[in-house]
Amino acid sequence: MLRRVTAHPASSGSLSDPTTSRSERLVEPVAAKLQLVEEELRRNFRSEIKTIQDVGDHILAGGGKRLRPALLLLVSELLGYKGVRDVLYAAVIELIHTATLVHDDVIDEAAIRRGRTSINYRWGNHLTVLVGDYLYTHSMNLALSEGNLDILRLLSNATIRMIEGEILGLEQDGQSGLSIDDYFSIVGRKTADLFGACCRIPAYLTSASEADSVALFDYGYNLGVCFQLIDDLLDFTSSTEILGKPALSDLKEGKVTLPLILTLPHATAAERQMIGRVATDHSFEAVQPGDVLEVVQKYDALHQTREIARDYAARARAALAPFPDSPARQTLELALDFVLERDR
């Protein structure tokens, strides 16, 4: 049974304290409830089946930013929600997100997730697929226990669209001719819709108007697109040690992301052939990663991608305009800076 909690200010500083990191300031207002989310996640990984328990322990030990649960809790604060049902839904969102990561690692044949051995690399693909299915189904069962059909419909639709996005992405595997429109269609489904859903859920827990509910979804959706664009950038600019996975792993997995989509129309035939070879072969055996990075930098695609990410952050910020100024709104605005400037 979830208990009523009162969030206490963290002792490390306040929103105005310059010594407090941006990530700490982001979660500070909802730190107490985030701890309850962790407890809820741990409780939902308990099982009489030892393998489920072991895999759950492995997943939880890997940590994660918990950005989606934090956003849900911050929007609850923005709307003045005083209960603890948001804690359960924050756990549901994180379980759905985790399920997508588990399935992604199978599809991408990833060996590393968050700097640790991936589940599929340790337990094999067959069991990992079942674990992902278990997490999806368990998350919906948990949401169903609350009995709010509007939220359940929202989550179901977001999950369906995430799977659609994954299928669309696989259809483009190894193809270097992905259009910008196709790219954003995939991003919207795979990433942004779940961000939008987690920001809209608190509206169903309060008396928020339909206009406010739509605005909150728009905030989350645009933040989600921004998040994915920065993810694409980090694949080119971050290190394996910081990012927790090999650099340029997207291209090696056959995924052509926005920096490459912006590069290819300007690239020479030889440069396009080089990029296409990595995407098709799923290997850097014939091409050096540094050569690809040099081409992307040559055509200023990383800067262009960051500017587009800033545009989506501005759209998300504008979606918060109907809401009065408050510490919660300030923190939701801070989340945009956190996503834009993150290094992992």
C-alpha atoms as a PDB file:
ATOM      1  CA  MET A   1       0.000   0.000   0.000  1.00  0.00           C
ATOM      2  CA  LEU A   2       1.363   3.416  -0.953  1.00  0.00           C
ATOM      3  CA  ARG A   3       1.507   5.923   1.843  1.00  0.00           C
ATOM      4  CA  ARG A   4       0.898   9.646   1.780  1.00  0.00           C
ATOM      5  CA  VAL A   5       4.175  11.545   1.683  1.00  0.00           C
ATOM      6  CA  THR A   6       5.301  15.110   2.081  1.00  0.00           C
ATOM      7  CA  ALA A   7       8.296  16.056  -0.016  1.00  0.00           C
ATOM      8  CA  HIS A   8      11.013  17.620   2.079  1.00  0.00           C
ATOM      9  CA  PRO A   9      13.573  19.998   0.583  1.00  0.00           C
ATOM     10  CA  ALA A  10      16.866  18.292  -0.116  1.00  0.00           C
ATOM     11  CA  SER A  11      19.666  19.413   2.157  1.00  0.00           C
ATOM     12  CA  SER A  12      22.139  19.823  -0.732  1.00  0.00           C
ATOM     13  CA  GLY A  13      20.690  23.130  -1.872  1.00  0.00           C
ATOM     14  CA  SER A  14      17.711  24.850  -3.417  1.00  0.00           C
ATOM     15  CA  LEU A  15      16.599  25.816  -6.911  1.00  0.00           C
ATOM     16  CA  SER A  16      18.439  29.102  -6.516  1.00  0.00           C
ATOM     17  CA  ASP A  17      21.610  27.553  -5.062  1.00  0.00           C
ATOM     18  CA  PRO A  18      24.373  27.800  -7.715  1.00  0.00           C
ATOM     19  CA  THR A  19      26.315  24.953  -6.058  1.00  0.00           C
ATOM     20  CA  THR A  20      23.494  22.500  -6.758  1.00  0.00           C
ATOM     21  CA  SER A  21      23.834  20.625 -10.064  1.00  0.00           C
ATOM     22  CA  ARG A  22      21.062  20.948 -12.630  1.00  0.00           C
ATOM     23  CA  SER A  23      20.140  17.273 -12.270  1.00  0.00           C
ATOM     24  CA  GLU A  24      19.859  17.622  -8.493  1.00  0.00           C
ATOM     25  CA  ARG A  25      17.703  20.729  -8.853  1.00  0.00           C
ATOM     26  CA  LEU A  26      15.489  18.877 -11.303  1.00  0.00           C
ATOM     27  CA  VAL A  27      14.551  16.097  -8.881  1.00  0.00           C
ATOM     28  CA  GLU A  28      14.800  18.056  -5.622  1.00  0.00           C
ATOM     29  CA  PRO A  29      11.108  19.101  -5.439  1.00  0.00           C
ATOM     30  CA  VAL A  30       9.934  15.494  -5.902  1.00  0.00           C
ATOM     31  CA  ALA A  31      12.809  13.618  -4.242  1.00  0.00           C
ATOM     32  CA  ALA A  32      10.610  12.028  -1.564  1.00  0.00           C
ATOM     33  CA  LYS A  33       8.119  10.711  -4.101  1.00  0.00           C
ATOM     34  CA  LEU A  34      10.886   9.507  -6.422  1.00  0.00           C
ATOM     35  CA  GLN A  35      12.140   7.372  -3.556  1.00  0.00           C
ATOM     36  CA  LEU A  36       8.656   5.875  -3.324  1.00  0.00           C
ATOM     37  CA  VAL A  37       8.805   5.188  -7.068  1.00  0.00           C
ATOM     38  CA  GLU A  38      12.033   3.235  -6.526  1.00  0.00           C
ATOM     39  CA  GLU A  39      10.338   1.223  -3.781  1.00  0.00           C
ATOM     40  CA  GLU A  40       7.377   0.563  -6.069  1.00  0.00           C
ATOM     41  CA  LEU A  41       9.680  -0.599  -8.858  1.00  0.00           C
ATOM     42  CA  ARG A  42      11.536  -2.925  -6.516  1.00  0.00           C
ATOM     43  CA  ARG A  43       8.249  -4.298  -5.176  1.00  0.00           C
ATOM     44  CA  ASN A  44       7.049  -5.032  -8.703  1.00  0.00           C
ATOM     45  CA  PHE A  45      10.194  -6.953  -9.594  1.00  0.00           C
ATOM     46  CA  ARG A  46       9.686  -9.339  -6.681  1.00  0.00           C
ATOM     47  CA  SER A  47       8.738 -12.771  -7.917  1.00  0.00           C
ATOM     48  CA  GLU A  48       8.708 -16.405  -6.881  1.00  0.00           C
ATOM     49  CA  ILE A  49      10.517 -17.048 -10.168  1.00  0.00           C
ATOM     50  CA  LYS A  50      14.194 -16.498  -9.369  1.00  0.00           C
ATOM     51  CA  THR A  51      15.175 -15.432 -12.882  1.00  0.00           C
ATOM     52  CA  ILE A  52      12.662 -12.564 -12.857  1.00  0.00           C
ATOM     53  CA  GLN A  53      13.997 -11.449  -9.490  1.00  0.00           C
ATOM     54  CA  ASP A  54      17.611 -11.688 -10.705  1.00  0.00           C
ATOM     55  CA  VAL A  55      16.908  -9.755 -13.903  1.00  0.00           C
ATOM     56  CA  GLY A  56      14.971  -7.158 -11.908  1.00  0.00           C
ATOM     57  CA  ASP A  57      17.877  -6.695  -9.517  1.00  0.00           C
ATOM     58  CA  HIS A  58      20.210  -6.285 -12.505  1.00  0.00           C
ATOM     59  CA  ILE A  59      17.952  -3.659 -14.083  1.00  0.00           C
ATOM     60  CA  LEU A  60      17.494  -1.670 -10.869  1.00  0.00           C
ATOM     61  CA  ALA A  61      21.216  -1.768 -10.099  1.00  0.00           C
ATOM     62  CA  GLY A  62      21.824  -0.098 -13.457  1.00  0.00           C
ATOM     63  CA  GLY A  63      19.972   2.981 -12.241  1.00  0.00           C
ATOM     64  CA  GLY A  64      18.904   5.478 -14.885  1.00  0.00           C
ATOM     65  CA  LYS A  65      17.916   9.118 -15.035  1.00  0.00           C
ATOM     66  CA  ARG A  66      14.271   8.415 -14.032  1.00  0.00           C
ATOM     67  CA  LEU A  67      13.475  11.506 -16.092  1.00  0.00           C
ATOM     68  CA  ARG A  68      10.011  10.348 -17.134  1.00  0.00           C
ATOM     69  CA  PRO A  69       8.829   9.580 -13.566  1.00  0.00           C
ATOM     70  CA  ALA A  70      10.295  12.884 -12.378  1.00  0.00           C
ATOM     71  CA  LEU A  71       8.386  14.784 -15.071  1.00  0.00           C
ATOM     72  CA  LEU A  72       5.125  13.068 -14.133  1.00  0.00           C
ATOM     73  CA  LEU A  73       5.622  13.969 -10.475  1.00  0.00           C
ATOM     74  CA  LEU A  74       6.585  17.559 -11.305  1.00  0.00           C
ATOM     75  CA  VAL A  75       3.459  18.020 -13.431  1.00  0.00           C
ATOM     76  CA  SER A  76       1.424  16.639 -10.513  1.00  0.00           C
ATOM     77  CA  GLU A  77       3.024  19.320  -8.361  1.00  0.00           C
ATOM     78  CA  LEU A  78       2.270  21.942 -11.013  1.00  0.00           C
ATOM     79  CA  LEU A  79      -1.420  20.991 -10.916  1.00  0.00           C
ATOM     80  CA  GLY A  80      -1.543  20.961  -7.118  1.00  0.00           C
ATOM     81  CA  TYR A  81      -2.154  17.223  -6.777  1.00  0.00           C
ATOM     82  CA  LYS A  82      -1.792  16.107  -3.140  1.00  0.00           C
ATOM     83  CA  GLY A  83      -2.239  12.335  -3.276  1.00  0.00           C
ATOM     84  CA  VAL A  84       0.161   9.480  -4.050  1.00  0.00           C
ATOM     85  CA  ARG A  85      -1.510   7.842  -7.048  1.00  0.00           C
ATOM     86  CA  ASP A  86       1.035   9.673  -9.190  1.00  0.00           C
ATOM     87  CA  VAL A  87       3.754   7.516  -7.607  1.00  0.00           C
ATOM     88  CA  LEU A  88       2.180   4.347  -8.968  1.00  0.00           C
ATOM     89  CA  TYR A  89       1.764   5.834 -12.442  1.00  0.00           C
ATOM     90  CA  ALA A  90       5.372   7.074 -12.365  1.00  0.00           C
ATOM     91  CA  ALA A  91       6.435   3.479 -11.704  1.00  0.00           C
ATOM     92  CA  VAL A  92       4.203   2.291 -14.566  1.00  0.00           C
ATOM     93  CA  ILE A  93       5.858   4.755 -16.947  1.00  0.00           C
ATOM     94  CA  GLU A  94       9.317   3.598 -15.909  1.00  0.00           C
ATOM     95  CA  LEU A  95       8.349  -0.072 -16.352  1.00  0.00           C
ATOM     96  CA  ILE A  96       7.092   0.654 -19.883  1.00  0.00           C
ATOM     97  CA  HIS A  97      10.269   2.578 -20.681  1.00  0.00           C
ATOM     98  CA  THR A  98      12.406  -0.248 -19.288  1.00  0.00           C
ATOM     99  CA  ALA A  99      10.519  -2.781 -21.408  1.00  0.00           C
ATOM    100  CA  THR A 100      11.401  -0.807 -24.543  1.00  0.00           C
ATOM    101  CA  LEU A 101      15.091  -0.729 -23.552  1.00  0.00           C
ATOM    102  CA  VAL A 102      15.083  -4.480 -22.936  1.00  0.00           C
ATOM    103  CA  HIS A 103      13.559  -5.194 -26.353  1.00  0.00           C
ATOM    104  CA  ASP A 104      15.823  -2.624 -28.035  1.00  0.00           C
ATOM    105  CA  ASP A 105      18.906  -4.435 -26.736  1.00  0.00           C
ATOM    106  CA  VAL A 106      17.710  -7.655 -28.372  1.00  0.00           C
ATOM    107  CA  ILE A 107      16.968  -5.913 -31.671  1.00  0.00           C
ATOM    108  CA  ASP A 108      20.271  -4.013 -31.638  1.00  0.00           C
ATOM    109  CA  GLU A 109      22.284  -6.984 -30.313  1.00  0.00           C
ATOM    110  CA  ALA A 110      23.669  -4.627 -27.692  1.00  0.00           C
ATOM    111  CA  ALA A 111      26.222  -5.873 -25.180  1.00  0.00           C
ATOM    112  CA  ILE A 112      26.209  -2.774 -22.950  1.00  0.00           C
ATOM    113  CA  ARG A 113      23.348  -0.857 -21.339  1.00  0.00           C
ATOM    114  CA  ARG A 114      24.018   2.044 -18.940  1.00  0.00           C
ATOM    115  CA  GLY A 115      27.647   1.004 -18.699  1.00  0.00           C
ATOM    116  CA  ARG A 116      26.808  -2.554 -17.622  1.00  0.00           C
ATOM    117  CA  THR A 117      26.300  -5.901 -19.333  1.00  0.00           C
ATOM    118  CA  SER A 118      22.950  -5.885 -21.135  1.00  0.00           C
ATOM    119  CA  ILE A 119      20.289  -8.437 -20.170  1.00  0.00           C
ATOM    120  CA  ASN A 120      20.372 -10.171 -23.549  1.00  0.00           C
ATOM    121  CA  TYR A 121      24.162 -10.496 -23.410  1.00  0.00           C
ATOM    122  CA  ARG A 122      23.980 -12.052 -19.946  1.00  0.00           C
ATOM    123  CA  TRP A 123      20.785 -14.146 -20.141  1.00  0.00           C
ATOM    124  CA  GLY A 124      20.284 -14.597 -23.882  1.00  0.00           C
ATOM    125  CA  ASN A 125      17.732 -13.239 -26.347  1.00  0.00           C
ATOM    126  CA  HIS A 126      14.937 -15.724 -25.650  1.00  0.00           C
ATOM    127  CA  LEU A 127      14.651 -14.916 -21.977  1.00  0.00           C
ATOM    128  CA  THR A 128      15.192 -11.192 -22.596  1.00  0.00           C
ATOM    129  CA  VAL A 129      12.234 -11.007 -24.994  1.00  0.00           C
ATOM    130  CA  LEU A 130      10.063 -12.681 -22.360  1.00  0.00           C
ATOM    131  CA  VAL A 131      11.270 -10.232 -19.703  1.00  0.00           C
ATOM    132  CA  GLY A 132      10.338  -7.309 -21.962  1.00  0.00           C
ATOM    133  CA  ASP A 133       6.897  -8.831 -22.535  1.00  0.00           C
ATOM    134  CA  TYR A 134       6.547  -9.376 -18.788  1.00  0.00           C
ATOM    135  CA  LEU A 135       7.370  -5.726 -18.079  1.00  0.00           C
ATOM    136  CA  TYR A 136       4.877  -4.419 -20.648  1.00  0.00           C
ATOM    137  CA  THR A 137       2.091  -6.643 -19.384  1.00  0.00           C
ATOM    138  CA  HIS A 138       2.905  -6.061 -15.735  1.00  0.00           C
ATOM    139  CA  SER A 139       2.907  -2.288 -16.231  1.00  0.00           C
ATOM    140  CA  MET A 140      -0.572  -2.390 -17.790  1.00  0.00           C
ATOM    141  CA  ASN A 141      -1.837  -4.659 -15.037  1.00  0.00           C
ATOM    142  CA  LEU A 142      -0.503  -2.201 -12.464  1.00  0.00           C
ATOM    143  CA  ALA A 143      -2.231   0.702 -14.235  1.00  0.00           C
ATOM    144  CA  LEU A 144      -5.438  -1.313 -14.477  1.00  0.00           C
ATOM    145  CA  SER A 145      -5.419  -1.772 -10.694  1.00  0.00           C
ATOM    146  CA  GLU A 146      -6.080   1.973 -10.376  1.00  0.00           C
ATOM    147  CA  GLY A 147      -9.175   1.687 -12.553  1.00  0.00           C
ATOM    148  CA  ASN A 148      -8.757   4.945 -14.486  1.00  0.00           C
ATOM    149  CA  LEU A 149      -9.698   3.989 -18.041  1.00  0.00           C
ATOM    150  CA  ASP A 150      -8.638   7.352 -19.491  1.00  0.00           C
ATOM    151  CA  ILE A 151      -5.089   6.835 -18.240  1.00  0.00           C
ATOM    152  CA  LEU A 152      -5.072   3.186 -19.282  1.00  0.00           C
ATOM    153  CA  ARG A 153      -6.195   4.190 -22.796  1.00  0.00           C
ATOM    154  CA  LEU A 154      -3.494   6.867 -22.929  1.00  0.00           C
ATOM    155  CA  LEU A 155      -0.801   4.392 -21.881  1.00  0.00           C
ATOM    156  CA  SER A 156      -2.053   1.691 -24.243  1.00  0.00           C
ATOM    157  CA  ASN A 157      -2.038   4.081 -27.191  1.00  0.00           C
ATOM    158  CA  ALA A 158       1.461   5.332 -26.328  1.00  0.00           C
ATOM    159  CA  THR A 159       2.723   1.752 -26.101  1.00  0.00           C
ATOM    160  CA  ILE A 160       1.156   0.804 -29.434  1.00  0.00           C
ATOM    161  CA  ARG A 161       2.754   3.818 -31.087  1.00  0.00           C
ATOM    162  CA  MET A 162       6.118   2.944 -29.553  1.00  0.00           C
ATOM    163  CA  ILE A 163       5.932  -0.499 -31.134  1.00  0.00           C
ATOM    164  CA  GLU A 164       4.855   1.065 -34.437  1.00  0.00           C
ATOM    165  CA  GLY A 165       7.899   3.324 -34.240  1.00  0.00           C
ATOM    166  CA  GLU A 166      10.164   0.360 -33.625  1.00  0.00           C
ATOM    167  CA  ILE A 167       8.700  -1.435 -36.648  1.00  0.00           C
ATOM    168  CA  LEU A 168       9.119   1.657 -38.836  1.00  0.00           C
ATOM    169  CA  GLY A 169      12.711   1.924 -37.648  1.00  0.00           C
ATOM    170  CA  LEU A 170      13.423  -1.717 -38.494  1.00  0.00           C
ATOM    171  CA  GLU A 171      11.944  -1.213 -41.961  1.00  0.00           C
ATOM    172  CA  GLN A 172      14.626   1.450 -42.496  1.00  0.00           C
ATOM    173  CA  ASP A 173      17.442  -0.682 -41.070  1.00  0.00           C
ATOM    174  CA  GLY A 174      20.610  -0.135 -43.068  1.00  0.00           C
ATOM    175  CA  GLN A 175      18.918   2.373 -45.392  1.00  0.00           C
ATOM    176  CA  SER A 176      20.694   5.699 -45.820  1.00  0.00           C
ATOM    177  CA  GLY A 177      17.773   7.305 -47.702  1.00  0.00           C
ATOM    178  CA  LEU A 178      15.571   8.009 -44.660  1.00  0.00           C
ATOM    179  CA  SER A 179      13.768  11.341 -45.071  1.00  0.00           C
ATOM    180  CA  ILE A 180      13.482  13.983 -42.363  1.00  0.00           C
ATOM    181  CA  ASP A 181       9.701  13.445 -42.234  1.00  0.00           C
ATOM    182  CA  ASP A 182      10.154   9.691 -41.773  1.00  0.00           C
ATOM    183  CA  TYR A 183      12.746  10.313 -39.092  1.00  0.00           C
ATOM    184  CA  PHE A 184      10.441  12.555 -37.046  1.00  0.00           C
ATOM    185  CA  SER A 185       7.557  10.119 -37.515  1.00  0.00           C
ATOM    186  CA  ILE A 186       9.698   7.408 -35.913  1.00  0.00           C
ATOM    187  CA  VAL A 187      10.929   9.692 -33.129  1.00  0.00           C
ATOM    188  CA  GLY A 188       7.403  10.826 -32.343  1.00  0.00           C
ATOM    189  CA  ARG A 189       6.240   7.249 -31.905  1.00  0.00           C
ATOM    190  CA  LYS A 190       9.297   5.669 -30.275  1.00  0.00           C
ATOM    191  CA  THR A 191      10.192   8.436 -27.833  1.00  0.00           C
ATOM    192  CA  ALA A 192       8.029  11.546 -27.725  1.00  0.00           C
ATOM    193  CA  ASP A 193       4.596   9.971 -27.241  1.00  0.00           C
ATOM    194  CA  LEU A 194       5.597   8.380 -23.917  1.00  0.00           C
ATOM    195  CA  PHE A 195       7.002  11.716 -22.708  1.00  0.00           C
ATOM    196  CA  GLY A 196       3.713  13.330 -23.685  1.00  0.00           C
ATOM    197  CA  ALA A 197       1.692  10.638 -21.915  1.00  0.00           C
ATOM    198  CA  CYS A 198       3.642  10.904 -18.662  1.00  0.00           C
ATOM    199  CA  CYS A 199       3.028  14.673 -18.583  1.00  0.00           C
ATOM    200  CA  ARG A 200      -0.666  14.290 -19.363  1.00  0.00           C
ATOM    201  CA  ILE A 201      -1.432  11.614 -16.745  1.00  0.00           C
ATOM    202  CA  PRO A 202      -1.603  14.063 -13.787  1.00  0.00           C
ATOM    203  CA  ALA A 203      -4.353  15.977 -15.603  1.00  0.00           C
ATOM    204  CA  TYR A 204      -6.555  12.911 -15.144  1.00  0.00           C
ATOM    205  CA  LEU A 205      -5.782  12.887 -11.416  1.00  0.00           C
ATOM    206  CA  THR A 206      -6.968  16.479 -10.989  1.00  0.00           C
ATOM    207  CA  SER A 207      -9.671  18.781 -12.313  1.00  0.00           C
ATOM    208  CA  ALA A 208      -7.413  20.143 -15.072  1.00  0.00           C
ATOM    209  CA  SER A 209      -9.190  21.420 -18.168  1.00  0.00           C
ATOM    210  CA  GLU A 210      -8.896  19.707 -21.530  1.00  0.00           C
ATOM    211  CA  ALA A 211      -6.875  22.682 -22.796  1.00  0.00           C
ATOM    212  CA  ASP A 212      -4.390  22.299 -19.939  1.00  0.00           C
ATOM    213  CA  SER A 213      -4.251  18.549 -20.530  1.00  0.00           C
ATOM    214  CA  VAL A 214      -3.376  19.075 -24.197  1.00  0.00           C
ATOM    215  CA  ALA A 215      -0.772  21.709 -23.288  1.00  0.00           C
ATOM    216  CA  LEU A 216       0.901  19.307 -20.871  1.00  0.00           C
ATOM    217  CA  PHE A 217       1.005  16.581 -23.527  1.00  0.00           C
ATOM    218  CA  ASP A 218       2.537  19.084 -25.958  1.00  0.00           C
ATOM    219  CA  TYR A 219       5.159  20.039 -23.384  1.00  0.00           C
ATOM    220  CA  GLY A 220       6.123  16.401 -22.875  1.00  0.00           C
ATOM    221  CA  TYR A 221       6.003  15.502 -26.563  1.00  0.00           C
ATOM    222  CA  ASN A 222       8.277  18.367 -27.623  1.00  0.00           C
ATOM    223  CA  LEU A 223      10.627  17.662 -24.732  1.00  0.00           C
ATOM    224  CA  GLY A 224      10.733  14.028 -25.890  1.00  0.00           C
ATOM    225  CA  VAL A 225      11.724  15.017 -29.424  1.00  0.00           C
ATOM    226  CA  CYS A 226      14.402  17.292 -27.976  1.00  0.00           C
ATOM    227  CA  PHE A 227      15.626  14.418 -25.791  1.00  0.00           C
ATOM    228  CA  GLN A 228      16.000  12.121 -28.815  1.00  0.00           C
ATOM    229  CA  LEU A 229      17.808  14.754 -30.867  1.00  0.00           C
ATOM    230  CA  ILE A 230      20.356  15.219 -28.089  1.00  0.00           C
ATOM    231  CA  ASP A 231      20.659  11.424 -27.895  1.00  0.00           C
ATOM    232  CA  ASP A 232      21.534  11.438 -31.589  1.00  0.00           C
ATOM    233  CA  LEU A 233      24.156  14.113 -30.994  1.00  0.00           C
ATOM    234  CA  LEU A 234      25.710  12.264 -28.070  1.00  0.00           C
ATOM    235  CA  ASP A 235      26.160   9.197 -30.250  1.00  0.00           C
ATOM    236  CA  PHE A 236      28.657  11.296 -32.217  1.00  0.00           C
ATOM    237  CA  THR A 237      30.186  13.450 -29.494  1.00  0.00           C
ATOM    238  CA  SER A 238      30.273  11.464 -26.245  1.00  0.00           C
ATOM    239  CA  SER A 239      32.592   8.697 -25.093  1.00  0.00           C
ATOM    240  CA  THR A 240      31.780   5.093 -24.247  1.00  0.00           C
ATOM    241  CA  GLU A 241      32.733   5.747 -20.612  1.00  0.00           C
ATOM    242  CA  ILE A 242      30.306   8.667 -20.257  1.00  0.00           C
ATOM    243  CA  LEU A 243      27.475   7.434 -22.482  1.00  0.00           C
ATOM    244  CA  GLY A 244      27.499   3.835 -21.240  1.00  0.00           C
ATOM    245  CA  LYS A 245      27.524   2.441 -24.804  1.00  0.00           C
ATOM    246  CA  PRO A 246      29.980   2.642 -27.724  1.00  0.00           C
ATOM    247  CA  ALA A 247      30.058   5.902 -29.684  1.00  0.00           C
ATOM    248  CA  LEU A 248      28.508   5.812 -33.187  1.00  0.00           C
ATOM    249  CA  SER A 249      26.637   2.679 -32.146  1.00  0.00           C
ATOM    250  CA  ASP A 250      23.467   3.932 -33.886  1.00  0.00           C
ATOM    251  CA  LEU A 251      25.065   3.864 -37.326  1.00  0.00           C
ATOM    252  CA  LYS A 252      26.686   0.514 -36.587  1.00  0.00           C
ATOM    253  CA  GLU A 253      23.199  -0.814 -35.779  1.00  0.00           C
ATOM    254  CA  GLY A 254      21.950   0.436 -39.145  1.00  0.00           C
ATOM    255  CA  LYS A 255      20.160   3.526 -37.791  1.00  0.00           C
ATOM    256  CA  VAL A 256      20.513   6.732 -39.773  1.00  0.00           C
ATOM    257  CA  THR A 257      19.819   9.585 -37.364  1.00  0.00           C
ATOM    258  CA  LEU A 258      19.273  13.303 -37.967  1.00  0.00           C
ATOM    259  CA  PRO A 259      22.965  14.387 -38.134  1.00  0.00           C
ATOM    260  CA  LEU A 260      23.480  11.908 -40.974  1.00  0.00           C
ATOM    261  CA  ILE A 261      20.178  12.794 -42.683  1.00  0.00           C
ATOM    262  CA  LEU A 262      21.305  16.435 -42.710  1.00  0.00           C
ATOM    263  CA  THR A 263      24.769  15.442 -43.968  1.00  0.00           C
ATOM    264  CA  LEU A 264      23.936  13.090 -46.838  1.00  0.00           C
ATOM    265  CA  PRO A 265      22.392  15.601 -49.315  1.00  0.00           C
ATOM    266  CA  HIS A 266      25.643  17.620 -49.232  1.00  0.00           C
ATOM    267  CA  ALA A 267      28.107  14.722 -49.093  1.00  0.00           C
ATOM    268  CA  THR A 268      30.157  13.503 -52.027  1.00  0.00           C
ATOM    269  CA  ALA A 269      29.385  10.162 -53.641  1.00  0.00           C
ATOM    270  CA  ALA A 270      32.390   8.633 -51.869  1.00  0.00           C
ATOM    271  CA  GLU A 271      31.256  10.013 -48.497  1.00  0.00           C
ATOM    272  CA  ARG A 272      27.704   8.716 -48.998  1.00  0.00           C
ATOM    273  CA  GLN A 273      29.075   5.317 -49.966  1.00  0.00           C
ATOM    274  CA  MET A 274      31.234   5.222 -46.835  1.00  0.00           C
ATOM    275  CA  ILE A 275      28.295   6.023 -44.532  1.00  0.00           C
ATOM    276  CA  GLY A 276      26.017   3.607 -46.349  1.00  0.00           C
ATOM    277  CA  ARG A 277      28.561   0.826 -46.042  1.00  0.00           C
ATOM    278  CA  VAL A 278      28.659   1.069 -42.246  1.00  0.00           C
ATOM    279  CA  ALA A 279      24.855   1.113 -42.049  1.00  0.00           C
ATOM    280  CA  THR A 280      24.544  -1.875 -44.387  1.00  0.00           C
ATOM    281  CA  ASP A 281      27.413  -3.959 -42.956  1.00  0.00           C
ATOM    282  CA  HIS A 282      26.595  -3.092 -39.321  1.00  0.00           C
ATOM    283  CA  SER A 283      30.332  -2.843 -38.864  1.00  0.00           C
ATOM    284  CA  PHE A 284      33.243  -0.407 -38.712  1.00  0.00           C
ATOM    285  CA  GLU A 285      35.690  -2.969 -40.056  1.00  0.00           C
ATOM    286  CA  ALA A 286      36.101  -1.185 -43.402  1.00  0.00           C
ATOM    287  CA  VAL A 287      35.547   2.385 -42.156  1.00  0.00           C
ATOM    288  CA  GLN A 288      36.930   4.258 -39.167  1.00  0.00           C
ATOM    289  CA  PRO A 289      34.383   5.986 -36.861  1.00  0.00           C
ATOM    290  CA  GLY A 290      36.527   9.112 -36.964  1.00  0.00           C
ATOM    291  CA  ASP A 291      36.101   9.330 -40.732  1.00  0.00           C
ATOM    292  CA  VAL A 292      32.302   9.403 -40.384  1.00  0.00           C
ATOM    293  CA  LEU A 293      32.499  12.014 -37.629  1.00  0.00           C
ATOM    294  CA  GLU A 294      34.757  14.158 -39.805  1.00  0.00           C
ATOM    295  CA  VAL A 295      32.197  14.152 -42.631  1.00  0.00           C
ATOM    296  CA  VAL A 296      29.326  15.054 -40.291  1.00  0.00           C
ATOM    297  CA  GLN A 297      31.355  17.931 -38.837  1.00  0.00           C
ATOM    298  CA  LYS A 298      32.394  19.075 -42.310  1.00  0.00           C
ATOM    299  CA  TYR A 299      28.768  19.824 -43.209  1.00  0.00           C
ATOM    300  CA  ASP A 300      27.900  21.389 -39.835  1.00  0.00           C
ATOM    301  CA  ALA A 301      25.212  18.759 -39.176  1.00  0.00           C
ATOM    302  CA  LEU A 302      25.852  18.535 -35.434  1.00  0.00           C
ATOM    303  CA  HIS A 303      25.295  22.267 -34.978  1.00  0.00           C
ATOM    304  CA  GLN A 304      22.140  22.108 -37.105  1.00  0.00           C
ATOM    305  CA  THR A 305      20.818  19.200 -35.051  1.00  0.00           C
ATOM    306  CA  ARG A 306      21.411  21.105 -31.818  1.00  0.00           C
ATOM    307  CA  GLU A 307      19.573  24.131 -33.209  1.00  0.00           C
ATOM    308  CA  ILE A 308      16.581  21.952 -34.103  1.00  0.00           C
ATOM    309  CA  ALA A 309      16.677  20.505 -30.584  1.00  0.00           C
ATOM    310  CA  ARG A 310      16.602  24.049 -29.191  1.00  0.00           C
ATOM    311  CA  ASP A 311      13.569  24.788 -31.357  1.00  0.00           C
ATOM    312  CA  TYR A 312      11.687  21.824 -29.860  1.00  0.00           C
ATOM    313  CA  ALA A 313      12.721  22.934 -26.377  1.00  0.00           C
ATOM    314  CA  ALA A 314      11.271  26.369 -27.157  1.00  0.00           C
ATOM    315  CA  ARG A 315       7.995  24.729 -28.246  1.00  0.00           C
ATOM    316  CA  ALA A 316       7.897  22.803 -24.968  1.00  0.00           C
ATOM    317  CA  ARG A 317       8.561  25.997 -23.007  1.00  0.00           C
ATOM    318  CA  ALA A 318       5.734  27.767 -24.842  1.00  0.00           C
ATOM    319  CA  ALA A 319       3.349  24.953 -23.890  1.00  0.00           C
ATOM    320  CA  LEU A 320       3.863  25.883 -20.222  1.00  0.00           C
ATOM    321  CA  ALA A 321       2.712  29.482 -20.834  1.00  0.00           C
ATOM    322  CA  PRO A 322      -0.907  28.902 -19.668  1.00  0.00           C
ATOM    323  CA  PHE A 323       0.278  27.839 -16.208  1.00  0.00           C
ATOM    324  CA  PRO A 324       1.069  30.390 -13.487  1.00  0.00           C
ATOM    325  CA  ASP A 325       4.620  30.818 -12.328  1.00  0.00           C
ATOM    326  CA  SER A 326       5.518  28.410  -9.537  1.00  0.00           C
ATOM    327  CA  PRO A 327       8.499  26.348  -8.341  1.00  0.00           C
ATOM    328  CA  ALA A 328       7.087  23.341 -10.244  1.00  0.00           C
ATOM    329  CA  ARG A 329       6.819  25.305 -13.508  1.00  0.00           C
ATOM    330  CA  GLN A 330      10.352  26.652 -13.010  1.00  0.00           C
ATOM    331  CA  THR A 331      11.626  23.116 -12.555  1.00  0.00           C
ATOM    332  CA  LEU A 332       9.809  21.897 -15.673  1.00  0.00           C
ATOM    333  CA  GLU A 333      11.513  24.723 -17.565  1.00  0.00           C
ATOM    334  CA  LEU A 334      14.806  23.672 -15.990  1.00  0.00           C
ATOM    335  CA  ALA A 335      14.206  20.171 -17.374  1.00  0.00           C
ATOM    336  CA  LEU A 336      14.518  21.631 -20.874  1.00  0.00           C
ATOM    337  CA  ASP A 337      17.978  23.004 -20.083  1.00  0.00           C
ATOM    338  CA  PHE A 338      18.903  19.683 -18.465  1.00  0.00           C
ATOM    339  CA  VAL A 339      17.966  17.760 -21.607  1.00  0.00           C
ATOM    340  CA  LEU A 340      19.688  20.221 -23.942  1.00  0.00           C
ATOM    341  CA  GLU A 341      22.956  20.211 -21.996  1.00  0.00           C
ATOM    342  CA  ARG A 342      23.174  16.601 -20.798  1.00  0.00           C
ATOM    343  CA  ASP A 343      26.251  14.532 -21.651  1.00  0.00           C
ATOM    344  CA  ARG A 344      24.754  11.066 -21.218  1.00  0.00           C
END
